[in-house]
PDB file of N, CA and C in Angstrom:
ATOM      1  N   MET A   1     113.612 123.498  97.938  1.00  0.00           N
ATOM      2  CA  MET A   1     112.382 123.053  98.559  1.00  0.00           C
ATOM      3  C   MET A   1     112.068 121.649  98.042  1.00  0.00           C
ATOM      4  N   THR A   2     111.747 120.757  98.972  1.00  0.00           N
ATOM      5  CA  THR A   2     111.434 119.376  98.595  1.00  0.00           C
ATOM      6  C   THR A   2     110.024 119.296  97.993  1.00  0.00           C
ATOM      7  N   ASN A   3     109.733 118.150  97.392  1.00  0.00           N
ATOM      8  CA  ASN A   3     108.387 117.943  96.828  1.00  0.00           C
ATOM      9  C   ASN A   3     107.315 118.030  97.899  1.00  0.00           C
ATOM     10  N   VAL A   4     107.582 117.442  99.068  1.00  0.00           N
ATOM     11  CA  VAL A   4     106.611 117.492 100.161  1.00  0.00           C
ATOM     12  C   VAL A   4     106.388 118.944 100.594  1.00  0.00           C
ATOM     13  N   GLU A   5     107.470 119.718 100.680  1.00  0.00           N
ATOM     14  CA  GLU A   5     107.342 121.124 101.066  1.00  0.00           C
ATOM     15  C   GLU A   5     106.556 121.908 100.023  1.00  0.00           C
ATOM     16  N   GLN A   6     106.747 121.582  98.759  1.00  0.00           N
ATOM     17  CA  GLN A   6     105.978 122.249  97.700  1.00  0.00           C
ATOM     18  C   GLN A   6     104.495 121.896  97.803  1.00  0.00           C
ATOM     19  N   GLU A   7     104.205 120.616  98.052  1.00  0.00           N
ATOM     20  CA  GLU A   7     102.810 120.201  98.221  1.00  0.00           C
ATOM     21  C   GLU A   7     102.209 120.852  99.463  1.00  0.00           C
ATOM     22  N   LEU A   8     103.005 120.935 100.524  1.00  0.00           N
ATOM     23  CA  LEU A   8     102.555 121.559 101.758  1.00  0.00           C
ATOM     24  C   LEU A   8     102.232 123.036 101.524  1.00  0.00           C
ATOM     25  N   ARG A   9     103.065 123.702 100.767  1.00  0.00           N
ATOM     26  CA  ARG A   9     102.812 125.108 100.424  1.00  0.00           C
ATOM     27  C   ARG A   9     101.461 125.251  99.734  1.00  0.00           C
ATOM     28  N   GLY A  10     101.176 124.372  98.774  1.00  0.00           N
ATOM     29  CA  GLY A  10      99.896 124.401  98.076  1.00  0.00           C
ATOM     30  C   GLY A  10      98.729 124.120  99.001  1.00  0.00           C
ATOM     31  N   ALA A  11      98.889 123.148  99.906  1.00  0.00           N
ATOM     32  CA  ALA A  11      97.823 122.810 100.853  1.00  0.00           C
ATOM     33  C   ALA A  11      97.574 123.962 101.824  1.00  0.00           C
ATOM     34  N   LEU A  12      98.643 124.614 102.267  1.00  0.00           N
ATOM     35  CA  LEU A  12      98.489 125.763 103.159  1.00  0.00           C
ATOM     36  C   LEU A  12      97.781 126.914 102.450  1.00  0.00           C
ATOM     37  N   LEU A  13      98.149 127.132 101.212  1.00  0.00           N
ATOM     38  CA  LEU A  13      97.506 128.191 100.428  1.00  0.00           C
ATOM     39  C   LEU A  13      96.020 127.892 100.250  1.00  0.00           C
ATOM     40  N   GLN A  14      95.697 126.655  99.932  1.00  0.00           N
ATOM     41  CA  GLN A  14      94.297 126.262  99.770  1.00  0.00           C
ATOM     42  C   GLN A  14      93.542 126.436 101.092  1.00  0.00           C
ATOM     43  N   PHE A  15      94.170 126.036 102.206  1.00  0.00           N
ATOM     44  CA  PHE A  15      93.557 126.181 103.520  1.00  0.00           C
ATOM     45  C   PHE A  15      93.239 127.651 103.804  1.00  0.00           C
ATOM     46  N   MET A  16      94.182 128.529 103.510  1.00  0.00           N
ATOM     47  CA  MET A  16      93.968 129.960 103.751  1.00  0.00           C
ATOM     48  C   MET A  16      92.820 130.494 102.880  1.00  0.00           C
ATOM     49  N   GLN A  17      92.766 130.054 101.648  1.00  0.00           N
ATOM     50  CA  GLN A  17      91.698 130.503 100.752  1.00  0.00           C
ATOM     51  C   GLN A  17      90.336 129.998 101.223  1.00  0.00           C
ATOM     52  N   MET A  18      90.274 128.738 101.645  1.00  0.00           N
ATOM     53  CA  MET A  18      89.011 128.171 102.111  1.00  0.00           C
ATOM     54  C   MET A  18      88.563 128.825 103.416  1.00  0.00           C
ATOM     55  N   THR A  19      89.523 129.168 104.268  1.00  0.00           N
ATOM     56  CA  THR A  19      89.188 129.820 105.528  1.00  0.00           C
ATOM     57  C   THR A  19      88.600 131.200 105.281  1.00  0.00           C
ATOM     58  N   SER A  20      89.207 131.923 104.360  1.00  0.00           N
ATOM     59  CA  SER A  20      88.711 133.276 104.095  1.00  0.00           C
ATOM     60  C   SER A  20      87.348 133.267 103.419  1.00  0.00           C
ATOM     61  N   SER A  21      87.044 132.206 102.681  1.00  0.00           N
ATOM     62  CA  SER A  21      85.740 132.124 102.026  1.00  0.00           C
ATOM     63  C   SER A  21      84.734 131.325 102.863  1.00  0.00           C
ATOM     64  N   ARG A  22      85.186 130.869 104.029  1.00  0.00           N
ATOM     65  CA  ARG A  22      84.328 130.175 105.002  1.00  0.00           C
ATOM     66  C   ARG A  22      83.585 128.986 104.405  1.00  0.00           C
ATOM     67  N   GLN A  23      84.372 128.060 103.897  1.00  0.00           N
ATOM     68  CA  GLN A  23      83.812 126.839 103.322  1.00  0.00           C
ATOM     69  C   GLN A  23      84.232 125.667 104.215  1.00  0.00           C
ATOM     70  N   PRO A  24      83.420 125.342 105.240  1.00  0.00           N
ATOM     71  CA  PRO A  24      83.818 124.376 106.261  1.00  0.00           C
ATOM     72  C   PRO A  24      84.269 123.009 105.731  1.00  0.00           C
ATOM     73  N   GLU A  25      83.562 122.463 104.766  1.00  0.00           N
ATOM     74  CA  GLU A  25      83.928 121.138 104.260  1.00  0.00           C
ATOM     75  C   GLU A  25      85.307 121.170 103.597  1.00  0.00           C
ATOM     76  N   GLN A  26      85.550 122.195 102.803  1.00  0.00           N
ATOM     77  CA  GLN A  26      86.847 122.321 102.132  1.00  0.00           C
ATOM     78  C   GLN A  26      87.958 122.665 103.128  1.00  0.00           C
ATOM     79  N   ILE A  27      87.620 123.406 104.182  1.00  0.00           N
ATOM     80  CA  ILE A  27      88.609 123.713 105.224  1.00  0.00           C
ATOM     81  C   ILE A  27      89.074 122.411 105.863  1.00  0.00           C
ATOM     82  N   GLY A  28      88.133 121.540 106.186  1.00  0.00           N
ATOM     83  CA  GLY A  28      88.475 120.252 106.797  1.00  0.00           C
ATOM     84  C   GLY A  28      89.348 119.399 105.895  1.00  0.00           C
ATOM     85  N   GLU A  29      89.021 119.374 104.613  1.00  0.00           N
ATOM     86  CA  GLU A  29      89.824 118.597 103.661  1.00  0.00           C
ATOM     87  C   GLU A  29      91.239 119.157 103.555  1.00  0.00           C
ATOM     88  N   ALA A  30      91.337 120.479 103.476  1.00  0.00           N
ATOM     89  CA  ALA A  30      92.660 121.111 103.372  1.00  0.00           C
ATOM     90  C   ALA A  30      93.469 120.869 104.644  1.00  0.00           C
ATOM     91  N   LEU A  31      92.820 120.943 105.796  1.00  0.00           N
ATOM     92  CA  LEU A  31      93.505 120.712 107.056  1.00  0.00           C
ATOM     93  C   LEU A  31      94.011 119.270 107.146  1.00  0.00           C
ATOM     94  N   ASN A  32      93.197 118.324 106.723  1.00  0.00           N
ATOM     95  CA  ASN A  32      93.638 116.925 106.711  1.00  0.00           C
ATOM     96  C   ASN A  32      94.855 116.739 105.813  1.00  0.00           C
ATOM     97  N   ARG A  33      94.864 117.405 104.667  1.00  0.00           N
ATOM     98  CA  ARG A  33      96.006 117.305 103.740  1.00  0.00           C
ATOM     99  C   ARG A  33      97.265 117.891 104.386  1.00  0.00           C
ATOM    100  N   ILE A  34      97.125 119.016 105.079  1.00  0.00           N
ATOM    101  CA  ILE A  34      98.268 119.627 105.769  1.00  0.00           C
ATOM    102  C   ILE A  34      98.838 118.648 106.788  1.00  0.00           C
ATOM    103  N   LEU A  35      97.965 118.029 107.566  1.00  0.00           N
ATOM    104  CA  LEU A  35      98.424 117.086 108.591  1.00  0.00           C
ATOM    105  C   LEU A  35      99.121 115.875 107.971  1.00  0.00           C
ATOM    106  N   GLN A  36      98.598 115.374 106.846  1.00  0.00           N
ATOM    107  CA  GLN A  36      99.249 114.258 106.153  1.00  0.00           C
ATOM    108  C   GLN A  36     100.651 114.655 105.701  1.00  0.00           C
ATOM    109  N   LEU A  37     100.752 115.821 105.098  1.00  0.00           N
ATOM    110  CA  LEU A  37     102.048 116.273 104.588  1.00  0.00           C
ATOM    111  C   LEU A  37     103.019 116.580 105.720  1.00  0.00           C
ATOM    112  N   GLU A  38     102.509 117.096 106.821  1.00  0.00           N
ATOM    113  CA  GLU A  38     103.366 117.368 107.983  1.00  0.00           C
ATOM    114  C   GLU A  38     104.051 116.083 108.437  1.00  0.00           C
ATOM    115  N   HIS A  39     103.333 114.972 108.417  1.00  0.00           N
ATOM    116  CA  HIS A  39     103.906 113.691 108.828  1.00  0.00           C
ATOM    117  C   HIS A  39     104.879 113.126 107.795  1.00  0.00           C
ATOM    118  N   GLN A  40     104.823 113.634 106.581  1.00  0.00           N
ATOM    119  CA  GLN A  40     105.727 113.163 105.529  1.00  0.00           C
ATOM    120  C   GLN A  40     107.025 113.974 105.460  1.00  0.00           C
ATOM    121  N   LEU A  41     107.107 115.055 106.218  1.00  0.00           N
ATOM    122  CA  LEU A  41     108.333 115.856 106.197  1.00  0.00           C
ATOM    123  C   LEU A  41     109.507 115.018 106.675  1.00  0.00           C
ATOM    124  N   SER A  42     110.638 115.228 106.069  1.00  0.00           N
ATOM    125  CA  SER A  42     111.827 114.477 106.456  1.00  0.00           C
ATOM    126  C   SER A  42     112.369 115.001 107.786  1.00  0.00           C
ATOM    127  N   ALA A  43     113.227 114.213 108.391  1.00  0.00           N
ATOM    128  CA  ALA A  43     113.823 114.582 109.676  1.00  0.00           C
ATOM    129  C   ALA A  43     114.674 115.839 109.572  1.00  0.00           C
ATOM    130  N   ASP A  44     115.157 116.136 108.370  1.00  0.00           N
ATOM    131  CA  ASP A  44     115.986 117.335 108.200  1.00  0.00           C
ATOM    132  C   ASP A  44     115.189 118.522 107.642  1.00  0.00           C
ATOM    133  N   ALA A  45     113.872 118.503 107.858  1.00  0.00           N
ATOM    134  CA  ALA A  45     113.028 119.629 107.435  1.00  0.00           C
ATOM    135  C   ALA A  45     113.451 120.878 108.210  1.00  0.00           C
ATOM    136  N   PRO A  46     113.265 122.056 107.629  1.00  0.00           N
ATOM    137  CA  PRO A  46     113.662 123.288 108.318  1.00  0.00           C
ATOM    138  C   PRO A  46     113.011 123.390 109.700  1.00  0.00           C
ATOM    139  N   PRO A  47     113.816 123.610 110.736  1.00  0.00           N
ATOM    140  CA  PRO A  47     113.276 123.675 112.102  1.00  0.00           C
ATOM    141  C   PRO A  47     112.165 124.717 112.271  1.00  0.00           C
ATOM    142  N   MET A  48     112.283 125.851 111.606  1.00  0.00           N
ATOM    143  CA  MET A  48     111.251 126.881 111.744  1.00  0.00           C
ATOM    144  C   MET A  48     109.935 126.401 111.146  1.00  0.00           C
ATOM    145  N   LEU A  49     109.995 125.696 110.038  1.00  0.00           N
ATOM    146  CA  LEU A  49     108.782 125.176 109.421  1.00  0.00           C
ATOM    147  C   LEU A  49     108.103 124.182 110.357  1.00  0.00           C
ATOM    148  N   VAL A  50     108.868 123.273 110.918  1.00  0.00           N
ATOM    149  CA  VAL A  50     108.331 122.294 111.857  1.00  0.00           C
ATOM    150  C   VAL A  50     107.713 123.010 113.059  1.00  0.00           C
ATOM    151  N   HIS A  51     108.397 124.002 113.563  1.00  0.00           N
ATOM    152  CA  HIS A  51     107.926 124.796 114.699  1.00  0.00           C
ATOM    153  C   HIS A  51     106.560 125.415 114.386  1.00  0.00           C
ATOM    154  N   TYR A  52     106.434 126.043 113.247  1.00  0.00           N
ATOM    155  CA  TYR A  52     105.163 126.676 112.883  1.00  0.00           C
ATOM    156  C   TYR A  52     104.050 125.644 112.720  1.00  0.00           C
ATOM    157  N   LEU A  53     104.358 124.529 112.101  1.00  0.00           N
ATOM    158  CA  LEU A  53     103.334 123.501 111.890  1.00  0.00           C
ATOM    159  C   LEU A  53     102.888 122.878 113.206  1.00  0.00           C
ATOM    160  N   GLU A  54     103.836 122.617 114.102  1.00  0.00           N
ATOM    161  CA  GLU A  54     103.488 122.036 115.400  1.00  0.00           C
ATOM    162  C   GLU A  54     102.558 122.951 116.190  1.00  0.00           C
ATOM    163  N   ARG A  55     102.708 124.234 116.011  1.00  0.00           N
ATOM    164  CA  ARG A  55     101.896 125.201 116.744  1.00  0.00           C
ATOM    165  C   ARG A  55     100.678 125.666 115.958  1.00  0.00           C
ATOM    166  N   ARG A  56     100.450 125.017 114.815  1.00  0.00           N
ATOM    167  CA  ARG A  56      99.309 125.336 113.951  1.00  0.00           C
ATOM    168  C   ARG A  56      99.317 126.790 113.486  1.00  0.00           C
ATOM    169  N   SER A  57     100.510 127.342 113.346  1.00  0.00           N
ATOM    170  CA  SER A  57     100.686 128.700 112.824  1.00  0.00           C
ATOM    171  C   SER A  57     100.826 128.600 111.303  1.00  0.00           C
ATOM    172  N   TYR A  58      99.696 128.291 110.658  1.00  0.00           N
ATOM    173  CA  TYR A  58      99.738 127.968 109.242  1.00  0.00           C
ATOM    174  C   TYR A  58     100.088 129.163 108.369  1.00  0.00           C
ATOM    175  N   GLN A  59      99.667 130.353 108.736  1.00  0.00           N
ATOM    176  CA  GLN A  59     100.048 131.522 107.945  1.00  0.00           C
ATOM    177  C   GLN A  59     101.551 131.748 108.031  1.00  0.00           C
ATOM    178  N   LYS A  60     102.125 131.574 109.206  1.00  0.00           N
ATOM    179  CA  LYS A  60     103.576 131.725 109.364  1.00  0.00           C
ATOM    180  C   LYS A  60     104.322 130.635 108.587  1.00  0.00           C
ATOM    181  N   ALA A  61     103.782 129.418 108.597  1.00  0.00           N
ATOM    182  CA  ALA A  61     104.405 128.326 107.835  1.00  0.00           C
ATOM    183  C   ALA A  61     104.390 128.655 106.345  1.00  0.00           C
ATOM    184  N   LEU A  62     103.262 129.165 105.871  1.00  0.00           N
ATOM    185  CA  LEU A  62     103.159 129.550 104.458  1.00  0.00           C
ATOM    186  C   LEU A  62     104.112 130.691 104.139  1.00  0.00           C
ATOM    187  N   ASP A  63     104.162 131.684 105.016  1.00  0.00           N
ATOM    188  CA  ASP A  63     105.092 132.802 104.820  1.00  0.00           C
ATOM    189  C   ASP A  63     106.532 132.307 104.778  1.00  0.00           C
ATOM    190  N   PHE A  64     106.868 131.362 105.653  1.00  0.00           N
ATOM    191  CA  PHE A  64     108.212 130.796 105.679  1.00  0.00           C
ATOM    192  C   PHE A  64     108.534 130.120 104.353  1.00  0.00           C
ATOM    193  N   LEU A  65     107.613 129.304 103.862  1.00  0.00           N
ATOM    194  CA  LEU A  65     107.849 128.600 102.594  1.00  0.00           C
ATOM    195  C   LEU A  65     107.947 129.566 101.424  1.00  0.00           C
ATOM    196  N   ASN A  66     107.218 130.665 101.479  1.00  0.00           N
ATOM    197  CA  ASN A  66     107.251 131.655 100.402  1.00  0.00           C
ATOM    198  C   ASN A  66     108.475 132.560 100.470  1.00  0.00           C
ATOM    199  N   SER A  67     109.072 132.686 101.646  1.00  0.00           N
ATOM    200  CA  SER A  67     110.128 133.676 101.856  1.00  0.00           C
ATOM    201  C   SER A  67     111.513 133.239 101.405  1.00  0.00           C
ATOM    202  N   GLY A  68     111.759 131.937 101.428  1.00  0.00           N
ATOM    203  CA  GLY A  68     113.096 131.470 101.099  1.00  0.00           C
ATOM    204  C   GLY A  68     114.083 131.672 102.231  1.00  0.00           C
ATOM    205  N   HIS A  69     113.576 131.777 103.471  1.00  0.00           N
ATOM    206  CA  HIS A  69     114.465 131.919 104.624  1.00  0.00           C
ATOM    207  C   HIS A  69     115.438 130.756 104.690  1.00  0.00           C
ATOM    208  N   SER A  70     116.502 130.971 105.382  1.00  0.00           N
ATOM    209  CA  SER A  70     117.502 129.939 105.567  1.00  0.00           C
ATOM    210  C   SER A  70     116.889 128.714 106.214  1.00  0.00           C
ATOM    211  N   GLU A  71     117.165 127.564 105.678  1.00  0.00           N
ATOM    212  CA  GLU A  71     116.632 126.325 106.228  1.00  0.00           C
ATOM    213  C   GLU A  71     117.304 125.956 107.538  1.00  0.00           C
ATOM    214  N   THR A  72     118.397 126.630 107.897  1.00  0.00           N
ATOM    215  CA  THR A  72     119.078 126.322 109.143  1.00  0.00           C
ATOM    216  C   THR A  72     118.613 127.221 110.273  1.00  0.00           C
ATOM    217  N   GLU A  73     117.753 128.185 109.973  1.00  0.00           N
ATOM    218  CA  GLU A  73     117.220 129.063 110.998  1.00  0.00           C
ATOM    219  C   GLU A  73     116.465 128.214 112.028  1.00  0.00           C
ATOM    220  N   ALA A  74     116.699 128.491 113.310  1.00  0.00           N
ATOM    221  CA  ALA A  74     116.079 127.681 114.367  1.00  0.00           C
ATOM    222  C   ALA A  74     115.127 128.528 115.205  1.00  0.00           C
ATOM    223  N   PRO A  75     114.082 127.896 115.739  1.00  0.00           N
ATOM    224  CA  PRO A  75     113.162 128.625 116.598  1.00  0.00           C
ATOM    225  C   PRO A  75     113.865 129.113 117.853  1.00  0.00           C
ATOM    226  N   GLN A  76     113.387 130.198 118.416  1.00  0.00           N
ATOM    227  CA  GLN A  76     114.021 130.800 119.588  1.00  0.00           C
ATOM    228  C   GLN A  76     113.227 130.542 120.872  1.00  0.00           C
ATOM    229  N   CYS A  77     112.402 129.502 120.889  1.00  0.00           N
ATOM    230  CA  CYS A  77     111.542 129.249 122.050  1.00  0.00           C
ATOM    231  C   CYS A  77     112.006 128.041 122.846  1.00  0.00           C
ATOM    232  N   GLY A  78     113.275 127.737 122.822  1.00  0.00           N
ATOM    233  CA  GLY A  78     113.795 126.640 123.609  1.00  0.00           C
ATOM    234  C   GLY A  78     113.764 125.285 122.948  1.00  0.00           C
ATOM    235  N   ARG A  79     113.425 125.215 121.697  1.00  0.00           N
ATOM    236  CA  ARG A  79     113.410 123.936 120.981  1.00  0.00           C
ATOM    237  C   ARG A  79     114.769 123.648 120.410  1.00  0.00           C
TER     238      ARG A  79
END
C-alpha cells in the first residue's frame, strides 16, 4: 500500500466515524481530504479502489483497503 493509499484509508475511516456521529463540519473536512487524496493517487492505483472512489462508495473503498485484495482485480461494470 502506498503512502497516499494509507492516508486515504485514514481519511475514509475518519469520514465514516464523523458520519456515524453526525458532525457536519468534520464530515465536510474529511470529505475534502478524501477528494484531495483521490487526485493524488498514481495512475497505477488499484482499479477497484478507483472504481469505488469515483462512485463515492467510500465504505467499499475502505473495505478494499482493509482487505488486502489483489491490486490487479478489475471492476466488472465495463470499465
